[in-house]
C-alpha atoms as a PDB file:
ATOM      1  CA  UNK A   1      54.436  18.416   0.569  1.00  0.00           C
ATOM      2  CA  UNK A   2      53.256  15.313   2.747  1.00  0.00           C
ATOM      3  CA  UNK A   3      55.263  13.998   4.892  1.00  0.00           C
ATOM      4  CA  UNK A   4      56.587  10.079   4.767  1.00  0.00           C
ATOM      5  CA  UNK A   5      55.105   9.370   8.614  1.00  0.00           C
ATOM      6  CA  UNK A   6      51.889  10.881   8.697  1.00  0.00           C
ATOM      7  CA  UNK A   7      49.321   8.593   7.770  1.00  0.00           C
ATOM      8  CA  UNK A   8      46.436  10.172   5.716  1.00  0.00           C
ATOM      9  CA  UNK A   9      42.558  11.436   7.174  1.00  0.00           C
ATOM     10  CA  UNK A  10      39.400   9.940   6.535  1.00  0.00           C
ATOM     11  CA  UNK A  11      37.308   7.051   5.783  1.00  0.00           C
ATOM     12  CA  UNK A  12      38.088   4.480   2.291  1.00  0.00           C
ATOM     13  CA  UNK A  13      35.094   4.233   0.281  1.00  0.00           C
ATOM     14  CA  UNK A  14      34.873   0.284   1.964  1.00  0.00           C
ATOM     15  CA  UNK A  15      34.603   1.684   5.359  1.00  0.00           C
ATOM     16  CA  UNK A  16      31.763   3.398   3.977  1.00  0.00           C
ATOM     17  CA  UNK A  17      30.221   1.252   2.636  1.00  0.00           C
ATOM     18  CA  UNK A  18      30.840  -2.253   5.288  1.00  0.00           C
ATOM     19  CA  UNK A  19      29.273   0.693   8.174  1.00  0.00           C
ATOM     20  CA  UNK A  20      26.088   1.505   5.981  1.00  0.00           C
ATOM     21  CA  UNK A  21      25.757  -2.460   4.673  1.00  0.00           C
ATOM     22  CA  UNK A  22      25.270  -2.478   8.761  1.00  0.00           C
ATOM     23  CA  UNK A  23      23.327  -0.385   9.101  1.00  0.00           C
ATOM     24  CA  UNK A  24      20.808  -1.048   6.512  1.00  0.00           C
ATOM     25  CA  UNK A  25      20.538  -4.958   8.335  1.00  0.00           C
ATOM     26  CA  UNK A  26      19.936  -2.963  10.931  1.00  0.00           C
ATOM     27  CA  UNK A  27      17.614  -1.159  10.299  1.00  0.00           C
ATOM     28  CA  UNK A  28      15.420  -4.289   7.723  1.00  0.00           C
ATOM     29  CA  UNK A  29      15.379  -6.010  12.010  1.00  0.00           C
ATOM     30  CA  UNK A  30      13.526  -2.936  13.277  1.00  0.00           C
ATOM     31  CA  UNK A  31      11.120  -3.176   9.825  1.00  0.00           C
ATOM     32  CA  UNK A  32      10.741  -7.062  10.096  1.00  0.00           C
ATOM     33  CA  UNK A  33       9.452  -7.139  13.797  1.00  0.00           C
ATOM     34  CA  UNK A  34       6.451  -4.848  13.512  1.00  0.00           C
ATOM     35  CA  UNK A  35       5.912  -1.502  15.185  1.00  0.00           C
ATOM     36  CA  UNK A  36       6.102  -1.104  18.718  1.00  0.00           C
ATOM     37  CA  UNK A  37       3.144  -0.298  20.863  1.00  0.00           C
ATOM     38  CA  UNK A  38       2.555   0.048  24.545  1.00  0.00           C
ATOM     39  CA  UNK A  39      -1.325  -1.268  25.569  1.00  0.00           C
ATOM     40  CA  UNK A  40      -1.072   0.870  28.251  1.00  0.00           C
ATOM     41  CA  UNK A  41      -0.420   4.116  25.798  1.00  0.00           C
ATOM     42  CA  UNK A  42      -3.275   2.956  24.076  1.00  0.00           C
ATOM     43  CA  UNK A  43      -5.324   3.012  26.599  1.00  0.00           C
ATOM     44  CA  UNK A  44      -4.392   6.867  27.742  1.00  0.00           C
ATOM     45  CA  UNK A  45      -4.895   7.826  24.552  1.00  0.00           C
ATOM     46  CA  UNK A  46      -8.967   6.474  24.103  1.00  0.00           C
ATOM     47  CA  UNK A  47      -9.300   7.450  27.387  1.00  0.00           C
ATOM     48  CA  UNK A  48      -8.129  11.096  25.974  1.00  0.00           C
ATOM     49  CA  UNK A  49     -10.045  11.476  23.204  1.00  0.00           C
ATOM     50  CA  UNK A  50     -12.997  10.257  24.730  1.00  0.00           C
ATOM     51  CA  UNK A  51     -12.536  12.195  27.452  1.00  0.00           C
ATOM     52  CA  UNK A  52     -12.137  15.541  25.008  1.00  0.00           C
ATOM     53  CA  UNK A  53     -14.941  14.011  23.378  1.00  0.00           C
ATOM     54  CA  UNK A  54     -17.496  15.099  26.886  1.00  0.00           C
ATOM     55  CA  UNK A  55     -15.199  17.921  26.758  1.00  0.00           C
ATOM     56  CA  UNK A  56     -16.773  19.203  23.717  1.00  0.00           C
ATOM     57  CA  UNK A  57     -20.559  18.088  24.055  1.00  0.00           C
ATOM     58  CA  UNK A  58     -20.414  19.774  27.456  1.00  0.00           C
ATOM     59  CA  UNK A  59     -19.198  23.262  26.329  1.00  0.00           C
ATOM     60  CA  UNK A  60     -22.078  22.795  23.179  1.00  0.00           C
ATOM     61  CA  UNK A  61     -23.711  22.072  25.628  1.00  0.00           C
ATOM     62  CA  UNK A  62     -23.001  25.491  27.633  1.00  0.00           C
ATOM     63  CA  UNK A  63     -22.458  28.083  24.787  1.00  0.00           C
ATOM     64  CA  UNK A  64     -25.726  26.715  22.296  1.00  0.00           C
ATOM     65  CA  UNK A  65     -27.467  26.458  25.326  1.00  0.00           C
ATOM     66  CA  UNK A  66     -29.473  22.907  25.194  1.00  0.00           C
ATOM     67  CA  UNK A  67     -28.170  19.771  26.524  1.00  0.00           C
ATOM     68  CA  UNK A  68     -26.415  17.517  24.295  1.00  0.00           C
ATOM     69  CA  UNK A  69     -26.006  14.060  24.734  1.00  0.00           C
ATOM     70  CA  UNK A  70     -22.845  12.221  24.118  1.00  0.00           C
ATOM     71  CA  UNK A  71     -23.108   8.002  22.660  1.00  0.00           C
ATOM     72  CA  UNK A  72     -20.038   5.483  23.306  1.00  0.00           C
ATOM     73  CA  UNK A  73     -21.228   2.401  22.289  1.00  0.00           C
ATOM     74  CA  UNK A  74     -18.665  -0.099  21.581  1.00  0.00           C
ATOM     75  CA  UNK A  75     -21.025  -2.930  19.467  1.00  0.00           C
ATOM     76  CA  UNK A  76     -20.785  -0.620  17.387  1.00  0.00           C
ATOM     77  CA  UNK A  77     -17.538   0.448  17.711  1.00  0.00           C
ATOM     78  CA  UNK A  78     -18.405   4.340  17.705  1.00  0.00           C
ATOM     79  CA  UNK A  79     -18.963   7.521  20.070  1.00  0.00           C
ATOM     80  CA  UNK A  80     -19.697  11.013  20.011  1.00  0.00           C
ATOM     81  CA  UNK A  81     -22.658  13.706  19.699  1.00  0.00           C
ATOM     82  CA  UNK A  82     -26.030  12.488  18.921  1.00  0.00           C
ATOM     83  CA  UNK A  83     -27.093  14.349  15.802  1.00  0.00           C
ATOM     84  CA  UNK A  84     -23.414  15.382  15.189  1.00  0.00           C
ATOM     85  CA  UNK A  85     -20.822  12.366  12.557  1.00  0.00           C
ATOM     86  CA  UNK A  86     -19.548   9.187  14.068  1.00  0.00           C
ATOM     87  CA  UNK A  87     -15.961   8.929  15.351  1.00  0.00           C
ATOM     88  CA  UNK A  88     -14.477   4.914  15.771  1.00  0.00           C
ATOM     89  CA  UNK A  89     -13.542   3.740  18.879  1.00  0.00           C
ATOM     90  CA  UNK A  90     -10.561   2.882  20.272  1.00  0.00           C
ATOM     91  CA  UNK A  91      -8.965  -0.857  19.056  1.00  0.00           C
ATOM     92  CA  UNK A  92     -10.252  -1.253  23.275  1.00  0.00           C
ATOM     93  CA  UNK A  93     -12.454  -3.147  26.113  1.00  0.00           C
ATOM     94  CA  UNK A  94     -14.751  -1.341  26.927  1.00  0.00           C
ATOM     95  CA  UNK A  95     -17.186  -1.467  30.882  1.00  0.00           C
ATOM     96  CA  UNK A  96     -20.075  -2.136  30.832  1.00  0.00           C
ATOM     97  CA  UNK A  97     -20.130  -3.408  27.174  1.00  0.00           C
ATOM     98  CA  UNK A  98     -23.601  -1.683  26.642  1.00  0.00           C
ATOM     99  CA  UNK A  99     -24.044   1.622  24.179  1.00  0.00           C
ATOM    100  CA  UNK A 100     -23.374   4.649  27.095  1.00  0.00           C
ATOM    101  CA  UNK A 101     -25.619   7.641  27.079  1.00  0.00           C
ATOM    102  CA  UNK A 102     -23.507  11.239  28.503  1.00  0.00           C
ATOM    103  CA  UNK A 103     -26.739  14.174  29.125  1.00  0.00           C
ATOM    104  CA  UNK A 104     -24.148  17.912  29.850  1.00  0.00           C
ATOM    105  CA  UNK A 105     -27.252  20.519  30.460  1.00  0.00           C
ATOM    106  CA  UNK A 106     -27.256  24.136  29.268  1.00  0.00           C
ATOM    107  CA  UNK A 107     -26.103  24.907  33.461  1.00  0.00           C
ATOM    108  CA  UNK A 108     -23.214  22.959  33.579  1.00  0.00           C
ATOM    109  CA  UNK A 109     -24.578  19.998  35.195  1.00  0.00           C
ATOM    110  CA  UNK A 110     -24.596  16.518  33.138  1.00  0.00           C
ATOM    111  CA  UNK A 111     -25.324  13.402  34.077  1.00  0.00           C
ATOM    112  CA  UNK A 112     -24.047   9.773  33.006  1.00  0.00           C
ATOM    113  CA  UNK A 113     -23.042   6.702  34.301  1.00  0.00           C
ATOM    114  CA  UNK A 114     -18.853   5.185  34.755  1.00  0.00           C
ATOM    115  CA  UNK A 115     -17.229   3.740  31.948  1.00  0.00           C
ATOM    116  CA  UNK A 116     -14.084   1.773  32.393  1.00  0.00           C
ATOM    117  CA  UNK A 117     -11.310   0.964  29.665  1.00  0.00           C
ATOM    118  CA  UNK A 118      -9.257  -1.312  29.874  1.00  0.00           C
ATOM    119  CA  UNK A 119      -6.588  -3.212  28.497  1.00  0.00           C
ATOM    120  CA  UNK A 120      -4.838  -5.756  29.379  1.00  0.00           C
ATOM    121  CA  UNK A 121      -4.161  -5.410  32.887  1.00  0.00           C
ATOM    122  CA  UNK A 122      -4.969  -1.754  32.935  1.00  0.00           C
ATOM    123  CA  UNK A 123      -7.720   0.502  33.415  1.00  0.00           C
ATOM    124  CA  UNK A 124      -8.585   3.621  32.639  1.00  0.00           C
ATOM    125  CA  UNK A 125     -12.712   4.933  34.708  1.00  0.00           C
ATOM    126  CA  UNK A 126     -14.264   7.678  33.440  1.00  0.00           C
ATOM    127  CA  UNK A 127     -16.923  10.065  34.275  1.00  0.00           C
ATOM    128  CA  UNK A 128     -18.700  12.887  34.603  1.00  0.00           C
ATOM    129  CA  UNK A 129     -19.346  15.047  37.988  1.00  0.00           C
ATOM    130  CA  UNK A 130     -23.092  15.823  37.938  1.00  0.00           C
ATOM    131  CA  UNK A 131     -23.042  18.977  39.687  1.00  0.00           C
ATOM    132  CA  UNK A 132     -20.491  20.454  36.489  1.00  0.00           C
ATOM    133  CA  UNK A 133     -20.135  18.141  34.554  1.00  0.00           C
ATOM    134  CA  UNK A 134     -16.790  17.747  34.419  1.00  0.00           C
ATOM    135  CA  UNK A 135     -15.290  15.468  32.886  1.00  0.00           C
ATOM    136  CA  UNK A 136     -13.065  13.091  35.381  1.00  0.00           C
ATOM    137  CA  UNK A 137     -10.649  10.320  34.770  1.00  0.00           C
ATOM    138  CA  UNK A 138      -9.619   7.458  37.086  1.00  0.00           C
ATOM    139  CA  UNK A 139      -6.127   4.967  36.328  1.00  0.00           C
ATOM    140  CA  UNK A 140      -4.224   4.122  34.115  1.00  0.00           C
END
């Protein structure tokens, strides 16, 4: 038996519909706003991607016993190891805008320029240590 003084607990159908309508309106506003992205995050992601490619070329040279050439070509929007399928470059700026080549030798040494990735005011510089072939990234 229910007492007349106690109210029923729970939500009414009308309350649930109002909450769903509000949530739907908020979701629609977020979708209409478009994807949120950060230029700095894109820059860091691009630097990690290129650094991983450079490290892979270094490892291949060490284990294959053959020099590996890694290129970055901003004009063609591609990068990769010579002889392999090139990858598409991320949509960021590069300095210099001319093609860059890094050579990794079987003894672990390397040769190559310093490449600067640019997105707005943020910059990350990638290079290789000539003696060890280690990939070096600075900035961000």
